[in-house]
Amino acid sequence: MPNKLFVDLASRRTPSFVTQRTELRLLRRLQGAGYLDARFFPEEPTDDQFAELHGVTPLGRRVLDIVTRSGRSSA
């Protein structure tokens, strides 16, 4: 998982809209893993799909803490 994009998505003000295809793919994975709360419109992937990001879940906060700590320790 690209940690930088996860951190970026998690730090956005919510609700936030996501329209870029690469971000939508990662957001779908992060939502499926239970890290982020988001809704997709339409639900099935299409060329004009977008998502509304509602926030980080409690599980996502724990993972985010691990990701940011590991990033600091390896810098």
PDB file of N, CA and C in Angstrom:
ATOM      1  N   MET A   1       0.846  -1.173   0.000  1.00  0.00           N
ATOM      2  CA  MET A   1       0.000   0.000   0.000  1.00  0.00           C
ATOM      3  C   MET A   1       0.892   1.236   0.000  1.00  0.00           C
ATOM      4  N   PRO A   2       0.648   2.171  -0.907  1.00  0.00           N
ATOM      5  CA  PRO A   2       1.439   3.409  -0.901  1.00  0.00           C
ATOM      6  C   PRO A   2       1.113   4.228   0.352  1.00  0.00           C
ATOM      7  N   ASN A   3       2.019   4.189   1.302  1.00  0.00           N
ATOM      8  CA  ASN A   3       1.777   4.842   2.586  1.00  0.00           C
ATOM      9  C   ASN A   3       1.564   6.337   2.457  1.00  0.00           C
ATOM     10  N   LYS A   4       2.278   6.985   1.553  1.00  0.00           N
ATOM     11  CA  LYS A   4       2.153   8.434   1.407  1.00  0.00           C
ATOM     12  C   LYS A   4       0.725   8.819   1.024  1.00  0.00           C
ATOM     13  N   LEU A   5       0.122   8.077   0.119  1.00  0.00           N
ATOM     14  CA  LEU A   5      -1.251   8.381  -0.298  1.00  0.00           C
ATOM     15  C   LEU A   5      -2.238   8.061   0.830  1.00  0.00           C
ATOM     16  N   PHE A   6      -1.991   7.012   1.585  1.00  0.00           N
ATOM     17  CA  PHE A   6      -2.845   6.692   2.733  1.00  0.00           C
ATOM     18  C   PHE A   6      -2.810   7.840   3.739  1.00  0.00           C
ATOM     19  N   VAL A   7      -1.624   8.325   4.045  1.00  0.00           N
ATOM     20  CA  VAL A   7      -1.480   9.445   4.983  1.00  0.00           C
ATOM     21  C   VAL A   7      -2.177  10.681   4.426  1.00  0.00           C
ATOM     22  N   ASP A   8      -2.035  10.926   3.120  1.00  0.00           N
ATOM     23  CA  ASP A   8      -2.679  12.076   2.490  1.00  0.00           C
ATOM     24  C   ASP A   8      -4.202  11.971   2.584  1.00  0.00           C
ATOM     25  N   LEU A   9      -4.749  10.834   2.239  1.00  0.00           N
ATOM     26  CA  LEU A   9      -6.200  10.648   2.310  1.00  0.00           C
ATOM     27  C   LEU A   9      -6.701  10.780   3.745  1.00  0.00           C
ATOM     28  N   ALA A  10      -5.953  10.228   4.689  1.00  0.00           N
ATOM     29  CA  ALA A  10      -6.371  10.255   6.092  1.00  0.00           C
ATOM     30  C   ALA A  10      -6.304  11.658   6.691  1.00  0.00           C
ATOM     31  N   SER A  11      -5.474  12.521   6.135  1.00  0.00           N
ATOM     32  CA  SER A  11      -5.315  13.862   6.707  1.00  0.00           C
ATOM     33  C   SER A  11      -6.234  14.901   6.071  1.00  0.00           C
ATOM     34  N   ARG A  12      -7.014  14.518   5.085  1.00  0.00           N
ATOM     35  CA  ARG A  12      -7.915  15.469   4.428  1.00  0.00           C
ATOM     36  C   ARG A  12      -9.084  15.840   5.328  1.00  0.00           C
ATOM     37  N   ARG A  13      -9.566  17.063   5.151  1.00  0.00           N
ATOM     38  CA  ARG A  13     -10.799  17.480   5.830  1.00  0.00           C
ATOM     39  C   ARG A  13     -11.937  16.640   5.276  1.00  0.00           C
ATOM     40  N   THR A  14     -12.869  16.299   6.124  1.00  0.00           N
ATOM     41  CA  THR A  14     -13.975  15.480   5.661  1.00  0.00           C
ATOM     42  C   THR A  14     -15.294  16.213   5.854  1.00  0.00           C
ATOM     43  N   PRO A  15     -16.256  15.988   5.010  1.00  0.00           N
ATOM     44  CA  PRO A  15     -16.169  15.082   3.869  1.00  0.00           C
ATOM     45  C   PRO A  15     -15.293  15.671   2.766  1.00  0.00           C
ATOM     46  N   SER A  16     -14.653  14.795   2.031  1.00  0.00           N
ATOM     47  CA  SER A  16     -13.769  15.167   0.938  1.00  0.00           C
ATOM     48  C   SER A  16     -14.115  14.298  -0.265  1.00  0.00           C
ATOM     49  N   PHE A  17     -13.992  14.869  -1.450  1.00  0.00           N
ATOM     50  CA  PHE A  17     -14.311  14.118  -2.660  1.00  0.00           C
ATOM     51  C   PHE A  17     -13.040  13.682  -3.364  1.00  0.00           C
ATOM     52  N   VAL A  18     -13.037  12.444  -3.829  1.00  0.00           N
ATOM     53  CA  VAL A  18     -11.896  11.863  -4.525  1.00  0.00           C
ATOM     54  C   VAL A  18     -12.353  11.533  -5.943  1.00  0.00           C
ATOM     55  N   THR A  19     -11.593  12.010  -6.936  1.00  0.00           N
ATOM     56  CA  THR A  19     -11.973  11.785  -8.329  1.00  0.00           C
ATOM     57  C   THR A  19     -10.869  11.149  -9.161  1.00  0.00           C
ATOM     58  N   GLN A  20      -9.623  11.211  -8.707  1.00  0.00           N
ATOM     59  CA  GLN A  20      -8.520  10.650  -9.494  1.00  0.00           C
ATOM     60  C   GLN A  20      -8.561   9.129  -9.438  1.00  0.00           C
ATOM     61  N   ARG A  21      -8.378   8.532 -10.597  1.00  0.00           N
ATOM     62  CA  ARG A  21      -8.497   7.073 -10.718  1.00  0.00           C
ATOM     63  C   ARG A  21      -7.550   6.313  -9.791  1.00  0.00           C
ATOM     64  N   THR A  22      -6.293   6.744  -9.707  1.00  0.00           N
ATOM     65  CA  THR A  22      -5.337   6.040  -8.844  1.00  0.00           C
ATOM     66  C   THR A  22      -5.736   6.166  -7.379  1.00  0.00           C
ATOM     67  N   GLU A  23      -6.227   7.334  -6.987  1.00  0.00           N
ATOM     68  CA  GLU A  23      -6.668   7.517  -5.609  1.00  0.00           C
ATOM     69  C   GLU A  23      -7.927   6.702  -5.331  1.00  0.00           C
ATOM     70  N   LEU A  24      -8.821   6.615  -6.310  1.00  0.00           N
ATOM     71  CA  LEU A  24     -10.042   5.827  -6.137  1.00  0.00           C
ATOM     72  C   LEU A  24      -9.720   4.350  -5.919  1.00  0.00           C
ATOM     73  N   ARG A  25      -8.753   3.835  -6.678  1.00  0.00           N
ATOM     74  CA  ARG A  25      -8.379   2.413  -6.514  1.00  0.00           C
ATOM     75  C   ARG A  25      -7.848   2.152  -5.107  1.00  0.00           C
ATOM     76  N   LEU A  26      -6.953   3.025  -4.640  1.00  0.00           N
ATOM     77  CA  LEU A  26      -6.395   2.841  -3.301  1.00  0.00           C
ATOM     78  C   LEU A  26      -7.475   3.052  -2.236  1.00  0.00           C
ATOM     79  N   LEU A  27      -8.322   4.052  -2.430  1.00  0.00           N
ATOM     80  CA  LEU A  27      -9.391   4.307  -1.473  1.00  0.00           C
ATOM     81  C   LEU A  27     -10.318   3.096  -1.354  1.00  0.00           C
ATOM     82  N   ARG A  28     -10.612   2.461  -2.465  1.00  0.00           N
ATOM     83  CA  ARG A  28     -11.460   1.258  -2.439  1.00  0.00           C
ATOM     84  C   ARG A  28     -10.789   0.151  -1.617  1.00  0.00           C
ATOM     85  N   ARG A  29      -9.491   0.001  -1.773  1.00  0.00           N
ATOM     86  CA  ARG A  29      -8.760  -1.023  -0.998  1.00  0.00           C
ATOM     87  C   ARG A  29      -8.734  -0.678   0.488  1.00  0.00           C
ATOM     88  N   LEU A  30      -8.473   0.592   0.782  1.00  0.00           N
ATOM     89  CA  LEU A  30      -8.412   1.021   2.174  1.00  0.00           C
ATOM     90  C   LEU A  30      -9.783   0.918   2.843  1.00  0.00           C
ATOM     91  N   GLN A  31     -10.833   1.204   2.095  1.00  0.00           N
ATOM     92  CA  GLN A  31     -12.179   1.055   2.626  1.00  0.00           C
ATOM     93  C   GLN A  31     -12.481  -0.424   2.863  1.00  0.00           C
ATOM     94  N   GLY A  32     -12.112  -1.267   1.922  1.00  0.00           N
ATOM     95  CA  GLY A  32     -12.332  -2.705   2.060  1.00  0.00           C
ATOM     96  C   GLY A  32     -11.585  -3.306   3.237  1.00  0.00           C
ATOM     97  N   ALA A  33     -10.418  -2.747   3.536  1.00  0.00           N
ATOM     98  CA  ALA A  33      -9.629  -3.222   4.674  1.00  0.00           C
ATOM     99  C   ALA A  33     -10.164  -2.681   6.000  1.00  0.00           C
ATOM    100  N   GLY A  34     -11.078  -1.712   5.909  1.00  0.00           N
ATOM    101  CA  GLY A  34     -11.647  -1.138   7.122  1.00  0.00           C
ATOM    102  C   GLY A  34     -10.887   0.046   7.667  1.00  0.00           C
ATOM    103  N   TYR A  35      -9.999   0.647   6.873  1.00  0.00           N
ATOM    104  CA  TYR A  35      -9.182   1.769   7.346  1.00  0.00           C
ATOM    105  C   TYR A  35      -9.853   3.119   7.152  1.00  0.00           C
ATOM    106  N   LEU A  36     -10.626   3.269   6.073  1.00  0.00           N
ATOM    107  CA  LEU A  36     -11.275   4.537   5.766  1.00  0.00           C
ATOM    108  C   LEU A  36     -12.762   4.322   5.546  1.00  0.00           C
ATOM    109  N   ASP A  37     -13.541   5.321   5.894  1.00  0.00           N
ATOM    110  CA  ASP A  37     -14.982   5.307   5.671  1.00  0.00           C
ATOM    111  C   ASP A  37     -15.262   6.155   4.437  1.00  0.00           C
ATOM    112  N   ALA A  38     -15.788   5.534   3.385  1.00  0.00           N
ATOM    113  CA  ALA A  38     -16.045   6.241   2.132  1.00  0.00           C
ATOM    114  C   ALA A  38     -17.235   5.618   1.419  1.00  0.00           C
ATOM    115  N   ARG A  39     -17.871   6.429   0.567  1.00  0.00           N
ATOM    116  CA  ARG A  39     -18.960   5.950  -0.294  1.00  0.00           C
ATOM    117  C   ARG A  39     -18.582   6.249  -1.729  1.00  0.00           C
ATOM    118  N   PHE A  40     -18.867   5.305  -2.612  1.00  0.00           N
ATOM    119  CA  PHE A  40     -18.541   5.451  -4.033  1.00  0.00           C
ATOM    120  C   PHE A  40     -19.813   5.681  -4.833  1.00  0.00           C
ATOM    121  N   PHE A  41     -19.714   6.560  -5.821  1.00  0.00           N
ATOM    122  CA  PHE A  41     -20.843   6.895  -6.697  1.00  0.00           C
ATOM    123  C   PHE A  41     -20.409   6.796  -8.144  1.00  0.00           C
ATOM    124  N   PRO A  42     -20.962   5.942  -8.961  1.00  0.00           N
ATOM    125  CA  PRO A  42     -21.767   4.784  -8.569  1.00  0.00           C
ATOM    126  C   PRO A  42     -20.896   3.772  -7.831  1.00  0.00           C
ATOM    127  N   GLU A  43     -21.529   2.763  -7.264  1.00  0.00           N
ATOM    128  CA  GLU A  43     -20.776   1.793  -6.465  1.00  0.00           C
ATOM    129  C   GLU A  43     -19.800   0.978  -7.298  1.00  0.00           C
ATOM    130  N   GLU A  44     -20.151   0.653  -8.519  1.00  0.00           N
ATOM    131  CA  GLU A  44     -19.270  -0.112  -9.406  1.00  0.00           C
ATOM    132  C   GLU A  44     -18.309   0.845 -10.117  1.00  0.00           C
ATOM    133  N   PRO A  45     -17.040   0.438 -10.301  1.00  0.00           N
ATOM    134  CA  PRO A  45     -16.067   1.309 -10.969  1.00  0.00           C
ATOM    135  C   PRO A  45     -16.501   1.677 -12.397  1.00  0.00           C
ATOM    136  N   THR A  46     -16.491   2.965 -12.693  1.00  0.00           N
ATOM    137  CA  THR A  46     -16.781   3.485 -14.025  1.00  0.00           C
ATOM    138  C   THR A  46     -15.802   4.612 -14.316  1.00  0.00           C
ATOM    139  N   ASP A  47     -15.815   5.095 -15.548  1.00  0.00           N
ATOM    140  CA  ASP A  47     -14.914   6.189 -15.916  1.00  0.00           C
ATOM    141  C   ASP A  47     -15.219   7.480 -15.170  1.00  0.00           C
ATOM    142  N   ASP A  48     -16.469   7.689 -14.802  1.00  0.00           N
ATOM    143  CA  ASP A  48     -16.844   8.929 -14.130  1.00  0.00           C
ATOM    144  C   ASP A  48     -17.139   8.738 -12.637  1.00  0.00           C
ATOM    145  N   GLN A  49     -16.606   7.678 -12.059  1.00  0.00           N
ATOM    146  CA  GLN A  49     -16.831   7.403 -10.645  1.00  0.00           C
ATOM    147  C   GLN A  49     -16.125   8.431  -9.772  1.00  0.00           C
ATOM    148  N   PHE A  50     -16.724   8.715  -8.623  1.00  0.00           N
ATOM    149  CA  PHE A  50     -16.073   9.533  -7.609  1.00  0.00           C
ATOM    150  C   PHE A  50     -16.438   8.953  -6.253  1.00  0.00           C
ATOM    151  N   ALA A  51     -15.740   9.406  -5.229  1.00  0.00           N
ATOM    152  CA  ALA A  51     -15.998   8.905  -3.883  1.00  0.00           C
ATOM    153  C   ALA A  51     -16.077  10.072  -2.911  1.00  0.00           C
ATOM    154  N   GLU A  52     -16.846   9.862  -1.880  1.00  0.00           N
ATOM    155  CA  GLU A  52     -16.934  10.822  -0.790  1.00  0.00           C
ATOM    156  C   GLU A  52     -16.263  10.183   0.421  1.00  0.00           C
ATOM    157  N   LEU A  53     -15.175  10.764   0.845  1.00  0.00           N
ATOM    158  CA  LEU A  53     -14.411  10.270   1.985  1.00  0.00           C
ATOM    159  C   LEU A  53     -14.978  10.895   3.253  1.00  0.00           C
ATOM    160  N   HIS A  54     -15.377  10.034   4.199  1.00  0.00           N
ATOM    161  CA  HIS A  54     -15.989  10.521   5.437  1.00  0.00           C
ATOM    162  C   HIS A  54     -15.019  10.551   6.605  1.00  0.00           C
ATOM    163  N   GLY A  55     -13.938   9.797   6.548  1.00  0.00           N
ATOM    164  CA  GLY A  55     -12.976   9.828   7.644  1.00  0.00           C
ATOM    165  C   GLY A  55     -12.222   8.535   7.818  1.00  0.00           C
ATOM    166  N   VAL A  56     -11.420   8.531   8.853  1.00  0.00           N
ATOM    167  CA  VAL A  56     -10.583   7.382   9.197  1.00  0.00           C
ATOM    168  C   VAL A  56     -11.300   6.582  10.277  1.00  0.00           C
ATOM    169  N   THR A  57     -11.322   5.276  10.131  1.00  0.00           N
ATOM    170  CA  THR A  57     -11.941   4.408  11.133  1.00  0.00           C
ATOM    171  C   THR A  57     -10.979   4.219  12.312  1.00  0.00           C
ATOM    172  N   PRO A  58     -11.459   3.698  13.432  1.00  0.00           N
ATOM    173  CA  PRO A  58     -10.547   3.421  14.550  1.00  0.00           C
ATOM    174  C   PRO A  58      -9.393   2.483  14.145  1.00  0.00           C
ATOM    175  N   LEU A  59      -9.695   1.466  13.344  1.00  0.00           N
ATOM    176  CA  LEU A  59      -8.635   0.578  12.860  1.00  0.00           C
ATOM    177  C   LEU A  59      -7.657   1.358  11.994  1.00  0.00           C
ATOM    178  N   GLY A  60      -8.175   2.218  11.128  1.00  0.00           N
ATOM    179  CA  GLY A  60      -7.318   3.037  10.277  1.00  0.00           C
ATOM    180  C   GLY A  60      -6.408   3.943  11.078  1.00  0.00           C
ATOM    181  N   ARG A  61      -6.912   4.469  12.198  1.00  0.00           N
ATOM    182  CA  ARG A  61      -6.075   5.325  13.058  1.00  0.00           C
ATOM    183  C   ARG A  61      -4.902   4.543  13.640  1.00  0.00           C
ATOM    184  N   ARG A  62      -5.168   3.296  14.026  1.00  0.00           N
ATOM    185  CA  ARG A  62      -4.074   2.473  14.562  1.00  0.00           C
ATOM    186  C   ARG A  62      -3.029   2.185  13.493  1.00  0.00           C
ATOM    187  N   VAL A  63      -3.494   1.845  12.292  1.00  0.00           N
ATOM    188  CA  VAL A  63      -2.566   1.567  11.190  1.00  0.00           C
ATOM    189  C   VAL A  63      -1.808   2.838  10.817  1.00  0.00           C
ATOM    190  N   LEU A  64      -2.512   3.965  10.786  1.00  0.00           N
ATOM    191  CA  LEU A  64      -1.878   5.241  10.465  1.00  0.00           C
ATOM    192  C   LEU A  64      -0.776   5.569  11.465  1.00  0.00           C
ATOM    193  N   ASP A  65      -1.013   5.281  12.731  1.00  0.00           N
ATOM    194  CA  ASP A  65       0.000   5.501  13.761  1.00  0.00           C
ATOM    195  C   ASP A  65       1.234   4.650  13.480  1.00  0.00           C
ATOM    196  N   ILE A  66       1.030   3.399  13.109  1.00  0.00           N
ATOM    197  CA  ILE A  66       2.158   2.510  12.795  1.00  0.00           C
ATOM    198  C   ILE A  66       2.913   3.016  11.576  1.00  0.00           C
ATOM    199  N   VAL A  67       2.171   3.421  10.543  1.00  0.00           N
ATOM    200  CA  VAL A  67       2.796   3.898   9.305  1.00  0.00           C
ATOM    201  C   VAL A  67       3.624   5.151   9.566  1.00  0.00           C
ATOM    202  N   THR A  68       3.076   6.094  10.316  1.00  0.00           N
ATOM    203  CA  THR A  68       3.809   7.337  10.555  1.00  0.00           C
ATOM    204  C   THR A  68       4.998   7.099  11.472  1.00  0.00           C
ATOM    205  N   ARG A  69       4.873   6.221  12.445  1.00  0.00           N
ATOM    206  CA  ARG A  69       6.023   5.921  13.318  1.00  0.00           C
ATOM    207  C   ARG A  69       7.134   5.226  12.558  1.00  0.00           C
ATOM    208  N   SER A  70       6.776   4.282  11.693  1.00  0.00           N
ATOM    209  CA  SER A  70       7.808   3.565  10.935  1.00  0.00           C
ATOM    210  C   SER A  70       8.474   4.497   9.944  1.00  0.00           C
ATOM    211  N   GLY A  71       7.739   5.460   9.410  1.00  0.00           N
ATOM    212  CA  GLY A  71       8.321   6.442   8.493  1.00  0.00           C
ATOM    213  C   GLY A  71       9.312   7.342   9.177  1.00  0.00           C
ATOM    214  N   ARG A  72       9.026   7.720  10.410  1.00  0.00           N
ATOM    215  CA  ARG A  72       9.940   8.580  11.169  1.00  0.00           C
ATOM    216  C   ARG A  72      11.190   7.825  11.576  1.00  0.00           C
ATOM    217  N   SER A  73      11.029   6.555  11.961  1.00  0.00           N
ATOM    218  CA  SER A  73      12.184   5.808  12.449  1.00  0.00           C
ATOM    219  C   SER A  73      13.145   5.449  11.318  1.00  0.00           C
ATOM    220  N   SER A  74      12.641   5.362  10.084  1.00  0.00           N
ATOM    221  CA  SER A  74      13.535   4.993   8.986  1.00  0.00           C
ATOM    222  C   SER A  74      14.120   6.229   8.297  1.00  0.00           C
ATOM    223  N   ALA A  75      13.683   7.426   8.712  1.00  0.00           N
ATOM    224  CA  ALA A  75      14.192   8.662   8.075  1.00  0.00           C
ATOM    225  C   ALA A  75      15.523   9.061   8.642  1.00  0.00           C
TER     226      ALA A  75
END
